[in-house]
Amino acid sequence: MIELTLPTMTCGHCVKTVTETIHRVDAGARVSVDLPTHRVRIESTQPAEPFRAALADEGYEAT
């Protein structure tokens, strides 16, 4: 389980973009988003770094 905090994820459009970005890294990943806390949980066999890099490219730096 990978858990990331994305402070700039603030709306439904952000959630859609983040989810699509995660699925580009791993199409089979399970994604759970908690918008009020800006947290994303990713269930994947991939390591965290490719997700962090892809999200950063979209403007969502993980803290």
PDB file of N, CA and C in Angstrom:
ATOM      1  N   MET A   1       0.853  -1.177   0.000  1.00  0.00           N
ATOM      2  CA  MET A   1       0.000   0.000   0.000  1.00  0.00           C
ATOM      3  C   MET A   1       0.897   1.237   0.000  1.00  0.00           C
ATOM      4  N   ILE A   2       0.613   2.131  -0.910  1.00  0.00           N
ATOM      5  CA  ILE A   2       1.324   3.403  -1.000  1.00  0.00           C
ATOM      6  C   ILE A   2       0.343   4.483  -0.586  1.00  0.00           C
ATOM      7  N   GLU A   3       0.744   5.345   0.315  1.00  0.00           N
ATOM      8  CA  GLU A   3      -0.109   6.458   0.714  1.00  0.00           C
ATOM      9  C   GLU A   3       0.644   7.748   0.475  1.00  0.00           C
ATOM     10  N   LEU A   4       0.022   8.648  -0.290  1.00  0.00           N
ATOM     11  CA  LEU A   4       0.632   9.927  -0.614  1.00  0.00           C
ATOM     12  C   LEU A   4      -0.301  11.055  -0.206  1.00  0.00           C
ATOM     13  N   THR A   5       0.276  12.168   0.193  1.00  0.00           N
ATOM     14  CA  THR A   5      -0.491  13.379   0.461  1.00  0.00           C
ATOM     15  C   THR A   5      -0.186  14.356  -0.661  1.00  0.00           C
ATOM     16  N   LEU A   6      -1.241  14.832  -1.306  1.00  0.00           N
ATOM     17  CA  LEU A   6      -1.114  15.758  -2.433  1.00  0.00           C
ATOM     18  C   LEU A   6      -1.812  17.069  -2.076  1.00  0.00           C
ATOM     19  N   PRO A   7      -1.092  18.019  -1.471  1.00  0.00           N
ATOM     20  CA  PRO A   7      -1.720  19.257  -1.002  1.00  0.00           C
ATOM     21  C   PRO A   7      -2.448  20.053  -2.083  1.00  0.00           C
ATOM     22  N   THR A   8      -2.023  19.945  -3.342  1.00  0.00           N
ATOM     23  CA  THR A   8      -2.658  20.733  -4.401  1.00  0.00           C
ATOM     24  C   THR A   8      -3.871  20.041  -5.015  1.00  0.00           C
ATOM     25  N   MET A   9      -4.229  18.866  -4.533  1.00  0.00           N
ATOM     26  CA  MET A   9      -5.428  18.166  -5.000  1.00  0.00           C
ATOM     27  C   MET A   9      -6.618  18.724  -4.218  1.00  0.00           C
ATOM     28  N   THR A  10      -7.425  19.566  -4.886  1.00  0.00           N
ATOM     29  CA  THR A  10      -8.455  20.302  -4.156  1.00  0.00           C
ATOM     30  C   THR A  10      -9.881  20.150  -4.676  1.00  0.00           C
ATOM     31  N   CYS A  11     -10.051  19.438  -5.815  1.00  0.00           N
ATOM     32  CA  CYS A  11     -11.403  19.374  -6.379  1.00  0.00           C
ATOM     33  C   CYS A  11     -11.621  18.052  -7.111  1.00  0.00           C
ATOM     34  N   GLY A  12     -12.811  17.864  -7.599  1.00  0.00           N
ATOM     35  CA  GLY A  12     -13.152  16.645  -8.321  1.00  0.00           C
ATOM     36  C   GLY A  12     -12.330  16.466  -9.597  1.00  0.00           C
ATOM     37  N   HIS A  13     -12.039  17.558 -10.278  1.00  0.00           N
ATOM     38  CA  HIS A  13     -11.206  17.464 -11.482  1.00  0.00           C
ATOM     39  C   HIS A  13      -9.817  16.955 -11.114  1.00  0.00           C
ATOM     40  N   CYS A  14      -9.282  17.429  -9.998  1.00  0.00           N
ATOM     41  CA  CYS A  14      -7.981  16.954  -9.519  1.00  0.00           C
ATOM     42  C   CYS A  14      -8.022  15.451  -9.255  1.00  0.00           C
ATOM     43  N   VAL A  15      -9.077  14.996  -8.621  1.00  0.00           N
ATOM     44  CA  VAL A  15      -9.219  13.568  -8.309  1.00  0.00           C
ATOM     45  C   VAL A  15      -9.195  12.756  -9.599  1.00  0.00           C
ATOM     46  N   LYS A  16      -9.900  13.222 -10.613  1.00  0.00           N
ATOM     47  CA  LYS A  16      -9.934  12.513 -11.897  1.00  0.00           C
ATOM     48  C   LYS A  16      -8.540  12.475 -12.520  1.00  0.00           C
ATOM     49  N   THR A  17      -7.848  13.602 -12.515  1.00  0.00           N
ATOM     50  CA  THR A  17      -6.510  13.663 -13.097  1.00  0.00           C
ATOM     51  C   THR A  17      -5.540  12.759 -12.346  1.00  0.00           C
ATOM     52  N   VAL A  18      -5.591  12.792 -11.024  1.00  0.00           N
ATOM     53  CA  VAL A  18      -4.711  11.961 -10.199  1.00  0.00           C
ATOM     54  C   VAL A  18      -4.995  10.481 -10.461  1.00  0.00           C
ATOM     55  N   THR A  19      -6.248  10.104 -10.499  1.00  0.00           N
ATOM     56  CA  THR A  19      -6.615   8.708 -10.733  1.00  0.00           C
ATOM     57  C   THR A  19      -6.139   8.245 -12.111  1.00  0.00           C
ATOM     58  N   GLU A  20      -6.360   9.057 -13.130  1.00  0.00           N
ATOM     59  CA  GLU A  20      -5.915   8.706 -14.481  1.00  0.00           C
ATOM     60  C   GLU A  20      -4.394   8.588 -14.549  1.00  0.00           C
ATOM     61  N   THR A  21      -3.700   9.476 -13.868  1.00  0.00           N
ATOM     62  CA  THR A  21      -2.233   9.453 -13.855  1.00  0.00           C
ATOM     63  C   THR A  21      -1.729   8.172 -13.206  1.00  0.00           C
ATOM     64  N   ILE A  22      -2.333   7.792 -12.097  1.00  0.00           N
ATOM     65  CA  ILE A  22      -1.945   6.556 -11.413  1.00  0.00           C
ATOM     66  C   ILE A  22      -2.179   5.360 -12.328  1.00  0.00           C
ATOM     67  N   HIS A  23      -3.289   5.356 -13.027  1.00  0.00           N
ATOM     68  CA  HIS A  23      -3.596   4.231 -13.914  1.00  0.00           C
ATOM     69  C   HIS A  23      -2.694   4.188 -15.146  1.00  0.00           C
ATOM     70  N   ARG A  24      -2.087   5.303 -15.520  1.00  0.00           N
ATOM     71  CA  ARG A  24      -1.102   5.279 -16.607  1.00  0.00           C
ATOM     72  C   ARG A  24       0.166   4.555 -16.155  1.00  0.00           C
ATOM     73  N   VAL A  25       0.497   4.665 -14.866  1.00  0.00           N
ATOM     74  CA  VAL A  25       1.666   3.966 -14.324  1.00  0.00           C
ATOM     75  C   VAL A  25       1.356   2.483 -14.147  1.00  0.00           C
ATOM     76  N   ASP A  26       0.174   2.185 -13.604  1.00  0.00           N
ATOM     77  CA  ASP A  26      -0.245   0.801 -13.371  1.00  0.00           C
ATOM     78  C   ASP A  26      -1.750   0.714 -13.594  1.00  0.00           C
ATOM     79  N   ALA A  27      -2.124   0.187 -14.758  1.00  0.00           N
ATOM     80  CA  ALA A  27      -3.543   0.112 -15.126  1.00  0.00           C
ATOM     81  C   ALA A  27      -4.365  -0.702 -14.135  1.00  0.00           C
ATOM     82  N   GLY A  28      -3.724  -1.619 -13.422  1.00  0.00           N
ATOM     83  CA  GLY A  28      -4.437  -2.467 -12.480  1.00  0.00           C
ATOM     84  C   GLY A  28      -4.432  -1.963 -11.042  1.00  0.00           C
ATOM     85  N   ALA A  29      -3.878  -0.796 -10.825  1.00  0.00           N
ATOM     86  CA  ALA A  29      -3.796  -0.251  -9.461  1.00  0.00           C
ATOM     87  C   ALA A  29      -5.185   0.061  -8.927  1.00  0.00           C
ATOM     88  N   ARG A  30      -5.343  -0.172  -7.632  1.00  0.00           N
ATOM     89  CA  ARG A  30      -6.576   0.236  -6.950  1.00  0.00           C
ATOM     90  C   ARG A  30      -6.298   1.569  -6.280  1.00  0.00           C
ATOM     91  N   VAL A  31      -7.159   2.538  -6.532  1.00  0.00           N
ATOM     92  CA  VAL A  31      -6.941   3.901  -6.057  1.00  0.00           C
ATOM     93  C   VAL A  31      -8.077   4.303  -5.133  1.00  0.00           C
ATOM     94  N   SER A  32      -7.717   4.874  -3.995  1.00  0.00           N
ATOM     95  CA  SER A  32      -8.693   5.399  -3.048  1.00  0.00           C
ATOM     96  C   SER A  32      -8.278   6.829  -2.717  1.00  0.00           C
ATOM     97  N   VAL A  33      -9.206   7.772  -2.912  1.00  0.00           N
ATOM     98  CA  VAL A  33      -8.899   9.188  -2.702  1.00  0.00           C
ATOM     99  C   VAL A  33      -9.747   9.730  -1.568  1.00  0.00           C
ATOM    100  N   ASP A  34      -9.111  10.453  -0.649  1.00  0.00           N
ATOM    101  CA  ASP A  34      -9.805  11.171   0.416  1.00  0.00           C
ATOM    102  C   ASP A  34      -9.524  12.658   0.180  1.00  0.00           C
ATOM    103  N   LEU A  35     -10.418  13.302  -0.549  1.00  0.00           N
ATOM    104  CA  LEU A  35     -10.196  14.689  -0.948  1.00  0.00           C
ATOM    105  C   LEU A  35     -10.039  15.658   0.230  1.00  0.00           C
ATOM    106  N   PRO A  36     -10.872  15.577   1.274  1.00  0.00           N
ATOM    107  CA  PRO A  36     -10.713  16.534   2.379  1.00  0.00           C
ATOM    108  C   PRO A  36      -9.324  16.505   3.041  1.00  0.00           C
ATOM    109  N   THR A  37      -8.687  15.335   3.067  1.00  0.00           N
ATOM    110  CA  THR A  37      -7.356  15.248   3.687  1.00  0.00           C
ATOM    111  C   THR A  37      -6.236  15.260   2.641  1.00  0.00           C
ATOM    112  N   HIS A  38      -6.619  15.321   1.352  1.00  0.00           N
ATOM    113  CA  HIS A  38      -5.650  15.353   0.240  1.00  0.00           C
ATOM    114  C   HIS A  38      -4.819  14.073   0.168  1.00  0.00           C
ATOM    115  N   ARG A  39      -5.358  12.958   0.616  1.00  0.00           N
ATOM    116  CA  ARG A  39      -4.608  11.702   0.628  1.00  0.00           C
ATOM    117  C   ARG A  39      -5.079  10.762  -0.467  1.00  0.00           C
ATOM    118  N   VAL A  40      -4.097  10.050  -1.016  1.00  0.00           N
ATOM    119  CA  VAL A  40      -4.360   9.035  -2.034  1.00  0.00           C
ATOM    120  C   VAL A  40      -3.713   7.747  -1.563  1.00  0.00           C
ATOM    121  N   ARG A  41      -4.484   6.670  -1.622  1.00  0.00           N
ATOM    122  CA  ARG A  41      -3.936   5.340  -1.310  1.00  0.00           C
ATOM    123  C   ARG A  41      -3.922   4.546  -2.602  1.00  0.00           C
ATOM    124  N   ILE A  42      -2.790   3.907  -2.845  1.00  0.00           N
ATOM    125  CA  ILE A  42      -2.609   3.143  -4.074  1.00  0.00           C
ATOM    126  C   ILE A  42      -2.222   1.719  -3.712  1.00  0.00           C
ATOM    127  N   GLU A  43      -2.993   0.769  -4.209  1.00  0.00           N
ATOM    128  CA  GLU A  43      -2.637  -0.643  -4.056  1.00  0.00           C
ATOM    129  C   GLU A  43      -2.066  -1.091  -5.389  1.00  0.00           C
ATOM    130  N   SER A  44      -0.760  -1.388  -5.392  1.00  0.00           N
ATOM    131  CA  SER A  44      -0.071  -1.748  -6.614  1.00  0.00           C
ATOM    132  C   SER A  44       1.167  -2.563  -6.276  1.00  0.00           C
ATOM    133  N   THR A  45       1.635  -3.324  -7.246  1.00  0.00           N
ATOM    134  CA  THR A  45       2.895  -4.039  -7.076  1.00  0.00           C
ATOM    135  C   THR A  45       4.074  -3.156  -7.468  1.00  0.00           C
ATOM    136  N   GLN A  46       3.794  -1.989  -8.037  1.00  0.00           N
ATOM    137  CA  GLN A  46       4.845  -1.048  -8.427  1.00  0.00           C
ATOM    138  C   GLN A  46       5.366  -0.310  -7.190  1.00  0.00           C
ATOM    139  N   PRO A  47       6.629   0.150  -7.226  1.00  0.00           N
ATOM    140  CA  PRO A  47       7.139   0.972  -6.135  1.00  0.00           C
ATOM    141  C   PRO A  47       6.530   2.381  -6.189  1.00  0.00           C
ATOM    142  N   ALA A  48       6.690   3.124  -5.135  1.00  0.00           N
ATOM    143  CA  ALA A  48       6.079   4.452  -5.028  1.00  0.00           C
ATOM    144  C   ALA A  48       6.666   5.470  -6.005  1.00  0.00           C
ATOM    145  N   GLU A  49       7.949   5.371  -6.302  1.00  0.00           N
ATOM    146  CA  GLU A  49       8.618   6.425  -7.076  1.00  0.00           C
ATOM    147  C   GLU A  49       8.003   6.699  -8.447  1.00  0.00           C
ATOM    148  N   PRO A  50       7.652   5.697  -9.238  1.00  0.00           N
ATOM    149  CA  PRO A  50       7.020   6.020 -10.534  1.00  0.00           C
ATOM    150  C   PRO A  50       5.710   6.799 -10.385  1.00  0.00           C
ATOM    151  N   PHE A  51       4.951   6.506  -9.334  1.00  0.00           N
ATOM    152  CA  PHE A  51       3.719   7.249  -9.086  1.00  0.00           C
ATOM    153  C   PHE A  51       4.038   8.686  -8.696  1.00  0.00           C
ATOM    154  N   ARG A  52       5.000   8.859  -7.796  1.00  0.00           N
ATOM    155  CA  ARG A  52       5.408  10.205  -7.381  1.00  0.00           C
ATOM    156  C   ARG A  52       5.858  11.034  -8.583  1.00  0.00           C
ATOM    157  N   ALA A  53       6.675  10.445  -9.443  1.00  0.00           N
ATOM    158  CA  ALA A  53       7.206  11.154 -10.609  1.00  0.00           C
ATOM    159  C   ALA A  53       6.086  11.536 -11.577  1.00  0.00           C
ATOM    160  N   ALA A  54       5.179  10.596 -11.858  1.00  0.00           N
ATOM    161  CA  ALA A  54       4.084  10.871 -12.787  1.00  0.00           C
ATOM    162  C   ALA A  54       3.157  11.946 -12.235  1.00  0.00           C
ATOM    163  N   LEU A  55       2.865  11.886 -10.942  1.00  0.00           N
ATOM    164  CA  LEU A  55       2.004  12.889 -10.326  1.00  0.00           C
ATOM    165  C   LEU A  55       2.686  14.252 -10.317  1.00  0.00           C
ATOM    166  N   ALA A  56       3.978  14.298 -10.058  1.00  0.00           N
ATOM    167  CA  ALA A  56       4.724  15.565 -10.067  1.00  0.00           C
ATOM    168  C   ALA A  56       4.682  16.182 -11.462  1.00  0.00           C
ATOM    169  N   ASP A  57       4.783  15.353 -12.501  1.00  0.00           N
ATOM    170  CA  ASP A  57       4.714  15.841 -13.874  1.00  0.00           C
ATOM    171  C   ASP A  57       3.367  16.500 -14.155  1.00  0.00           C
ATOM    172  N   GLU A  58       2.323  16.071 -13.445  1.00  0.00           N
ATOM    173  CA  GLU A  58       0.985  16.639 -13.607  1.00  0.00           C
ATOM    174  C   GLU A  58       0.740  17.826 -12.651  1.00  0.00           C
ATOM    175  N   GLY A  59       1.727  18.157 -11.837  1.00  0.00           N
ATOM    176  CA  GLY A  59       1.595  19.292 -10.919  1.00  0.00           C
ATOM    177  C   GLY A  59       1.150  18.926  -9.517  1.00  0.00           C
ATOM    178  N   TYR A  60       1.209  17.649  -9.179  1.00  0.00           N
ATOM    179  CA  TYR A  60       0.788  17.183  -7.859  1.00  0.00           C
ATOM    180  C   TYR A  60       1.988  16.605  -7.120  1.00  0.00           C
ATOM    181  N   GLU A  61       2.740  17.477  -6.470  1.00  0.00           N
ATOM    182  CA  GLU A  61       3.899  17.045  -5.685  1.00  0.00           C
ATOM    183  C   GLU A  61       3.425  16.350  -4.420  1.00  0.00           C
ATOM    184  N   ALA A  62       3.912  15.147  -4.191  1.00  0.00           N
ATOM    185  CA  ALA A  62       3.544  14.398  -2.990  1.00  0.00           C
ATOM    186  C   ALA A  62       4.432  14.820  -1.823  1.00  0.00           C
ATOM    187  N   THR A  63       3.826  14.960  -0.663  1.00  0.00           N
ATOM    188  CA  THR A  63       4.593  15.295   0.546  1.00  0.00           C
ATOM    189  C   THR A  63       4.600  14.105   1.475  1.00  0.00           C
TER     190      THR A  63
END
